Amino acid sequence: MAEYEKKVREILSQNGFAFHHHGKGDHDIWINGPLSIKVTVDGKIKSRHMANQIMKEAGIHYHF
């Protein structure tokens, strides 16, 4: 099963997001300061649907 977290983090970084802090469990909070958008990224994203949901919440037009 594919894991998407590395690619999700890479795409977030390319779109102006930066790691903000660790959340509960293995979740991390990423933030885009100028746009005031926060997204939660799981440490193990195994579903392309979840990866696509993170992209949607971040306002990034990218589909896995």
PDB file of N, CA and C in Angstrom:
ATOM      1  N   MET A   1       0.849  -1.175   0.000  1.00  0.00           N
ATOM      2  CA  MET A   1       0.000   0.000   0.000  1.00  0.00           C
ATOM      3  C   MET A   1       0.898   1.243   0.000  1.00  0.00           C
ATOM      4  N   ALA A   2       0.569   2.193  -0.830  1.00  0.00           N
ATOM      5  CA  ALA A   2       1.375   3.413  -0.957  1.00  0.00           C
ATOM      6  C   ALA A   2       1.178   4.315   0.255  1.00  0.00           C
ATOM      7  N   GLU A   3       2.237   4.994   0.626  1.00  0.00           N
ATOM      8  CA  GLU A   3       2.150   5.992   1.680  1.00  0.00           C
ATOM      9  C   GLU A   3       2.449   7.347   1.060  1.00  0.00           C
ATOM     10  N   TYR A   4       1.612   8.308   1.339  1.00  0.00           N
ATOM     11  CA  TYR A   4       1.641   9.589   0.654  1.00  0.00           C
ATOM     12  C   TYR A   4       2.229  10.729   1.470  1.00  0.00           C
ATOM     13  N   GLU A   5       2.570  10.506   2.739  1.00  0.00           N
ATOM     14  CA  GLU A   5       2.941  11.633   3.598  1.00  0.00           C
ATOM     15  C   GLU A   5       4.155  12.410   3.095  1.00  0.00           C
ATOM     16  N   LYS A   6       5.156  11.732   2.542  1.00  0.00           N
ATOM     17  CA  LYS A   6       6.345  12.428   2.066  1.00  0.00           C
ATOM     18  C   LYS A   6       5.993  13.361   0.910  1.00  0.00           C
ATOM     19  N   LYS A   7       5.202  12.882  -0.034  1.00  0.00           N
ATOM     20  CA  LYS A   7       4.807  13.692  -1.183  1.00  0.00           C
ATOM     21  C   LYS A   7       3.899  14.842  -0.754  1.00  0.00           C
ATOM     22  N   VAL A   8       2.995  14.595   0.197  1.00  0.00           N
ATOM     23  CA  VAL A   8       2.105  15.645   0.694  1.00  0.00           C
ATOM     24  C   VAL A   8       2.928  16.760   1.331  1.00  0.00           C
ATOM     25  N   ARG A   9       3.889  16.404   2.166  1.00  0.00           N
ATOM     26  CA  ARG A   9       4.732  17.410   2.821  1.00  0.00           C
ATOM     27  C   ARG A   9       5.546  18.201   1.786  1.00  0.00           C
ATOM     28  N   GLU A  10       6.035  17.507   0.771  1.00  0.00           N
ATOM     29  CA  GLU A  10       6.809  18.162  -0.283  1.00  0.00           C
ATOM     30  C   GLU A  10       5.948  19.183  -1.036  1.00  0.00           C
ATOM     31  N   ILE A  11       4.738  18.804  -1.383  1.00  0.00           N
ATOM     32  CA  ILE A  11       3.829  19.698  -2.109  1.00  0.00           C
ATOM     33  C   ILE A  11       3.427  20.878  -1.232  1.00  0.00           C
ATOM     34  N   LEU A  12       3.164  20.632   0.041  1.00  0.00           N
ATOM     35  CA  LEU A  12       2.839  21.724   0.950  1.00  0.00           C
ATOM     36  C   LEU A  12       3.993  22.728   1.018  1.00  0.00           C
ATOM     37  N   SER A  13       5.215  22.233   1.144  1.00  0.00           N
ATOM     38  CA  SER A  13       6.384  23.117   1.200  1.00  0.00           C
ATOM     39  C   SER A  13       6.517  23.953  -0.061  1.00  0.00           C
ATOM     40  N   GLN A  14       6.284  23.335  -1.207  1.00  0.00           N
ATOM     41  CA  GLN A  14       6.394  24.040  -2.481  1.00  0.00           C
ATOM     42  C   GLN A  14       5.326  25.123  -2.632  1.00  0.00           C
ATOM     43  N   ASN A  15       4.256  25.012  -1.861  1.00  0.00           N
ATOM     44  CA  ASN A  15       3.157  25.968  -1.959  1.00  0.00           C
ATOM     45  C   ASN A  15       3.109  26.933  -0.776  1.00  0.00           C
ATOM     46  N   GLY A  16       4.229  27.127  -0.116  1.00  0.00           N
ATOM     47  CA  GLY A  16       4.330  28.147   0.924  1.00  0.00           C
ATOM     48  C   GLY A  16       3.953  27.713   2.322  1.00  0.00           C
ATOM     49  N   PHE A  17       3.707  26.433   2.531  1.00  0.00           N
ATOM     50  CA  PHE A  17       3.393  25.929   3.868  1.00  0.00           C
ATOM     51  C   PHE A  17       4.681  25.548   4.576  1.00  0.00           C
ATOM     52  N   ALA A  18       4.655  25.632   5.895  1.00  0.00           N
ATOM     53  CA  ALA A  18       5.806  25.245   6.706  1.00  0.00           C
ATOM     54  C   ALA A  18       5.306  24.514   7.943  1.00  0.00           C
ATOM     55  N   PHE A  19       6.135  23.605   8.430  1.00  0.00           N
ATOM     56  CA  PHE A  19       5.804  22.889   9.661  1.00  0.00           C
ATOM     57  C   PHE A  19       5.642  23.908  10.774  1.00  0.00           C
ATOM     58  N   HIS A  20       4.563  23.779  11.556  1.00  0.00           N
ATOM     59  CA  HIS A  20       4.306  24.724  12.651  1.00  0.00           C
ATOM     60  C   HIS A  20       4.577  24.060  13.999  1.00  0.00           C
ATOM     61  N   HIS A  21       3.900  22.936  14.272  1.00  0.00           N
ATOM     62  CA  HIS A  21       4.149  22.207  15.511  1.00  0.00           C
ATOM     63  C   HIS A  21       3.539  20.804  15.429  1.00  0.00           C
ATOM     64  N   HIS A  22       3.946  19.965  16.398  1.00  0.00           N
ATOM     65  CA  HIS A  22       3.405  18.615  16.480  1.00  0.00           C
ATOM     66  C   HIS A  22       2.037  18.679  17.134  1.00  0.00           C
ATOM     67  N   GLY A  23       1.109  17.881  16.616  1.00  0.00           N
ATOM     68  CA  GLY A  23      -0.211  17.789  17.216  1.00  0.00           C
ATOM     69  C   GLY A  23      -0.298  16.525  18.044  1.00  0.00           C
ATOM     70  N   LYS A  24      -1.505  16.039  18.233  1.00  0.00           N
ATOM     71  CA  LYS A  24      -1.703  14.812  19.004  1.00  0.00           C
ATOM     72  C   LYS A  24      -1.262  13.596  18.194  1.00  0.00           C
ATOM     73  N   GLY A  25      -0.707  12.635  18.877  1.00  0.00           N
ATOM     74  CA  GLY A  25      -0.275  11.409  18.223  1.00  0.00           C
ATOM     75  C   GLY A  25       0.830  11.690  17.230  1.00  0.00           C
ATOM     76  N   ASP A  26       0.669  11.166  16.023  1.00  0.00           N
ATOM     77  CA  ASP A  26       1.693  11.377  14.991  1.00  0.00           C
ATOM     78  C   ASP A  26       1.250  12.415  13.956  1.00  0.00           C
ATOM     79  N   HIS A  27       0.410  13.346  14.363  1.00  0.00           N
ATOM     80  CA  HIS A  27      -0.062  14.397  13.480  1.00  0.00           C
ATOM     81  C   HIS A  27       0.807  15.646  13.623  1.00  0.00           C
ATOM     82  N   ASP A  28       0.997  16.337  12.510  1.00  0.00           N
ATOM     83  CA  ASP A  28       1.729  17.593  12.497  1.00  0.00           C
ATOM     84  C   ASP A  28       0.825  18.685  11.948  1.00  0.00           C
ATOM     85  N   ILE A  29       1.022  19.899  12.434  1.00  0.00           N
ATOM     86  CA  ILE A  29       0.265  21.043  11.962  1.00  0.00           C
ATOM     87  C   ILE A  29       1.176  21.850  11.043  1.00  0.00           C
ATOM     88  N   TRP A  30       0.702  22.100   9.829  1.00  0.00           N
ATOM     89  CA  TRP A  30       1.420  22.908   8.853  1.00  0.00           C
ATOM     90  C   TRP A  30       0.622  24.183   8.643  1.00  0.00           C
ATOM     91  N   ILE A  31       1.339  25.283   8.435  1.00  0.00           N
ATOM     92  CA  ILE A  31       0.662  26.573   8.304  1.00  0.00           C
ATOM     93  C   ILE A  31       1.228  27.360   7.124  1.00  0.00           C
ATOM     94  N   ASN A  32       0.337  28.095   6.480  1.00  0.00           N
ATOM     95  CA  ASN A  32       0.730  29.047   5.448  1.00  0.00           C
ATOM     96  C   ASN A  32       0.404  30.418   6.015  1.00  0.00           C
ATOM     97  N   GLY A  33       1.413  31.103   6.526  1.00  0.00           N
ATOM     98  CA  GLY A  33       1.234  32.377   7.209  1.00  0.00           C
ATOM     99  C   GLY A  33       0.490  33.433   6.412  1.00  0.00           C
ATOM    100  N   PRO A  34       0.937  33.746   5.183  1.00  0.00           N
ATOM    101  CA  PRO A  34       0.265  34.796   4.419  1.00  0.00           C
ATOM    102  C   PRO A  34      -1.215  34.511   4.156  1.00  0.00           C
ATOM    103  N   LEU A  35      -1.570  33.258   3.991  1.00  0.00           N
ATOM    104  CA  LEU A  35      -2.963  32.898   3.705  1.00  0.00           C
ATOM    105  C   LEU A  35      -3.746  32.532   4.961  1.00  0.00           C
ATOM    106  N   SER A  36      -3.059  32.419   6.097  1.00  0.00           N
ATOM    107  CA  SER A  36      -3.681  32.036   7.377  1.00  0.00           C
ATOM    108  C   SER A  36      -4.426  30.699   7.277  1.00  0.00           C
ATOM    109  N   ILE A  37      -3.802  29.730   6.618  1.00  0.00           N
ATOM    110  CA  ILE A  37      -4.401  28.400   6.466  1.00  0.00           C
ATOM    111  C   ILE A  37      -3.584  27.406   7.282  1.00  0.00           C
ATOM    112  N   LYS A  38      -4.275  26.599   8.107  1.00  0.00           N
ATOM    113  CA  LYS A  38      -3.635  25.518   8.860  1.00  0.00           C
ATOM    114  C   LYS A  38      -4.189  24.193   8.366  1.00  0.00           C
ATOM    115  N   VAL A  39      -3.314  23.219   8.199  1.00  0.00           N
ATOM    116  CA  VAL A  39      -3.746  21.873   7.834  1.00  0.00           C
ATOM    117  C   VAL A  39      -3.062  20.878   8.755  1.00  0.00           C
ATOM    118  N   THR A  40      -3.736  19.789   9.021  1.00  0.00           N
ATOM    119  CA  THR A  40      -3.198  18.706   9.840  1.00  0.00           C
ATOM    120  C   THR A  40      -2.742  17.588   8.919  1.00  0.00           C
ATOM    121  N   VAL A  41      -1.508  17.140   9.112  1.00  0.00           N
ATOM    122  CA  VAL A  41      -0.940  16.080   8.282  1.00  0.00           C
ATOM    123  C   VAL A  41      -0.632  14.880   9.170  1.00  0.00           C
ATOM    124  N   ASP A  42      -1.243  13.760   8.853  1.00  0.00           N
ATOM    125  CA  ASP A  42      -1.011  12.515   9.588  1.00  0.00           C
ATOM    126  C   ASP A  42       0.384  11.990   9.253  1.00  0.00           C
ATOM    127  N   GLY A  43       0.999  11.297  10.173  1.00  0.00           N
ATOM    128  CA  GLY A  43       2.316  10.720   9.965  1.00  0.00           C
ATOM    129  C   GLY A  43       2.330   9.553   9.010  1.00  0.00           C
ATOM    130  N   LYS A  44       1.171   8.926   8.803  1.00  0.00           N
ATOM    131  CA  LYS A  44       1.075   7.784   7.898  1.00  0.00           C
ATOM    132  C   LYS A  44      -0.191   7.916   7.063  1.00  0.00           C
ATOM    133  N   ILE A  45      -0.059   8.557   5.925  1.00  0.00           N
ATOM    134  CA  ILE A  45      -1.194   8.721   5.015  1.00  0.00           C
ATOM    135  C   ILE A  45      -1.138   7.573   4.022  1.00  0.00           C
ATOM    136  N   LYS A  46      -2.044   6.612   4.161  1.00  0.00           N
ATOM    137  CA  LYS A  46      -2.034   5.437   3.300  1.00  0.00           C
ATOM    138  C   LYS A  46      -3.116   5.487   2.229  1.00  0.00           C
ATOM    139  N   SER A  47      -4.002   6.451   2.327  1.00  0.00           N
ATOM    140  CA  SER A  47      -5.110   6.555   1.395  1.00  0.00           C
ATOM    141  C   SER A  47      -4.933   7.781   0.509  1.00  0.00           C
ATOM    142  N   ARG A  48      -5.089   7.598  -0.803  1.00  0.00           N
ATOM    143  CA  ARG A  48      -5.000   8.748  -1.701  1.00  0.00           C
ATOM    144  C   ARG A  48      -6.151   9.706  -1.454  1.00  0.00           C
ATOM    145  N   HIS A  49      -7.254   9.187  -0.945  1.00  0.00           N
ATOM    146  CA  HIS A  49      -8.401  10.038  -0.640  1.00  0.00           C
ATOM    147  C   HIS A  49      -8.065  11.007   0.496  1.00  0.00           C
ATOM    148  N   MET A  50      -7.354  10.518   1.503  1.00  0.00           N
ATOM    149  CA  MET A  50      -6.937  11.384   2.608  1.00  0.00           C
ATOM    150  C   MET A  50      -5.917  12.409   2.119  1.00  0.00           C
ATOM    151  N   ALA A  51      -4.988  11.978   1.283  1.00  0.00           N
ATOM    152  CA  ALA A  51      -3.997  12.899   0.719  1.00  0.00           C
ATOM    153  C   ALA A  51      -4.687  13.993  -0.093  1.00  0.00           C
ATOM    154  N   ASN A  52      -5.672  13.614  -0.890  1.00  0.00           N
ATOM    155  CA  ASN A  52      -6.420  14.593  -1.681  1.00  0.00           C
ATOM    156  C   ASN A  52      -7.212  15.540  -0.792  1.00  0.00           C
ATOM    157  N   GLN A  53      -7.732  15.056   0.324  1.00  0.00           N
ATOM    158  CA  GLN A  53      -8.480  15.900   1.254  1.00  0.00           C
ATOM    159  C   GLN A  53      -7.570  16.957   1.874  1.00  0.00           C
ATOM    160  N   ILE A  54      -6.350  16.576   2.206  1.00  0.00           N
ATOM    161  CA  ILE A  54      -5.389  17.534   2.761  1.00  0.00           C
ATOM    162  C   ILE A  54      -5.089  18.612   1.729  1.00  0.00           C
ATOM    163  N   MET A  55      -4.895  18.207   0.474  1.00  0.00           N
ATOM    164  CA  MET A  55      -4.635  19.177  -0.588  1.00  0.00           C
ATOM    165  C   MET A  55      -5.817  20.137  -0.751  1.00  0.00           C
ATOM    166  N   LYS A  56      -7.021  19.596  -0.664  1.00  0.00           N
ATOM    167  CA  LYS A  56      -8.230  20.416  -0.795  1.00  0.00           C
ATOM    168  C   LYS A  56      -8.317  21.427   0.347  1.00  0.00           C
ATOM    169  N   GLU A  57      -8.056  20.982   1.582  1.00  0.00           N
ATOM    170  CA  GLU A  57      -8.095  21.871   2.741  1.00  0.00           C
ATOM    171  C   GLU A  57      -7.043  22.965   2.636  1.00  0.00           C
ATOM    172  N   ALA A  58      -5.915  22.641   2.000  1.00  0.00           N
ATOM    173  CA  ALA A  58      -4.827  23.603   1.847  1.00  0.00           C
ATOM    174  C   ALA A  58      -5.077  24.557   0.679  1.00  0.00           C
ATOM    175  N   GLY A  59      -6.076  24.257  -0.140  1.00  0.00           N
ATOM    176  CA  GLY A  59      -6.372  25.099  -1.296  1.00  0.00           C
ATOM    177  C   GLY A  59      -5.422  24.863  -2.451  1.00  0.00           C
ATOM    178  N   ILE A  60      -4.852  23.673  -2.494  1.00  0.00           N
ATOM    179  CA  ILE A  60      -3.891  23.316  -3.548  1.00  0.00           C
ATOM    180  C   ILE A  60      -4.595  22.387  -4.539  1.00  0.00           C
ATOM    181  N   HIS A  61      -4.498  22.718  -5.823  1.00  0.00           N
ATOM    182  CA  HIS A  61      -5.138  21.907  -6.857  1.00  0.00           C
ATOM    183  C   HIS A  61      -4.163  20.831  -7.315  1.00  0.00           C
ATOM    184  N   TYR A  62      -4.141  19.731  -6.577  1.00  0.00           N
ATOM    185  CA  TYR A  62      -3.279  18.588  -6.880  1.00  0.00           C
ATOM    186  C   TYR A  62      -4.071  17.334  -6.526  1.00  0.00           C
ATOM    187  N   HIS A  63      -4.032  16.347  -7.425  1.00  0.00           N
ATOM    188  CA  HIS A  63      -4.759  15.106  -7.187  1.00  0.00           C
ATOM    189  C   HIS A  63      -3.819  13.921  -7.315  1.00  0.00           C
ATOM    190  N   PHE A  64      -3.877  13.028  -6.346  1.00  0.00           N
ATOM    191  CA  PHE A  64      -3.078  11.813  -6.358  1.00  0.00           C
ATOM    192  C   PHE A  64      -3.789  10.734  -7.139  1.00  0.00           C
TER     193      PHE A  64
END
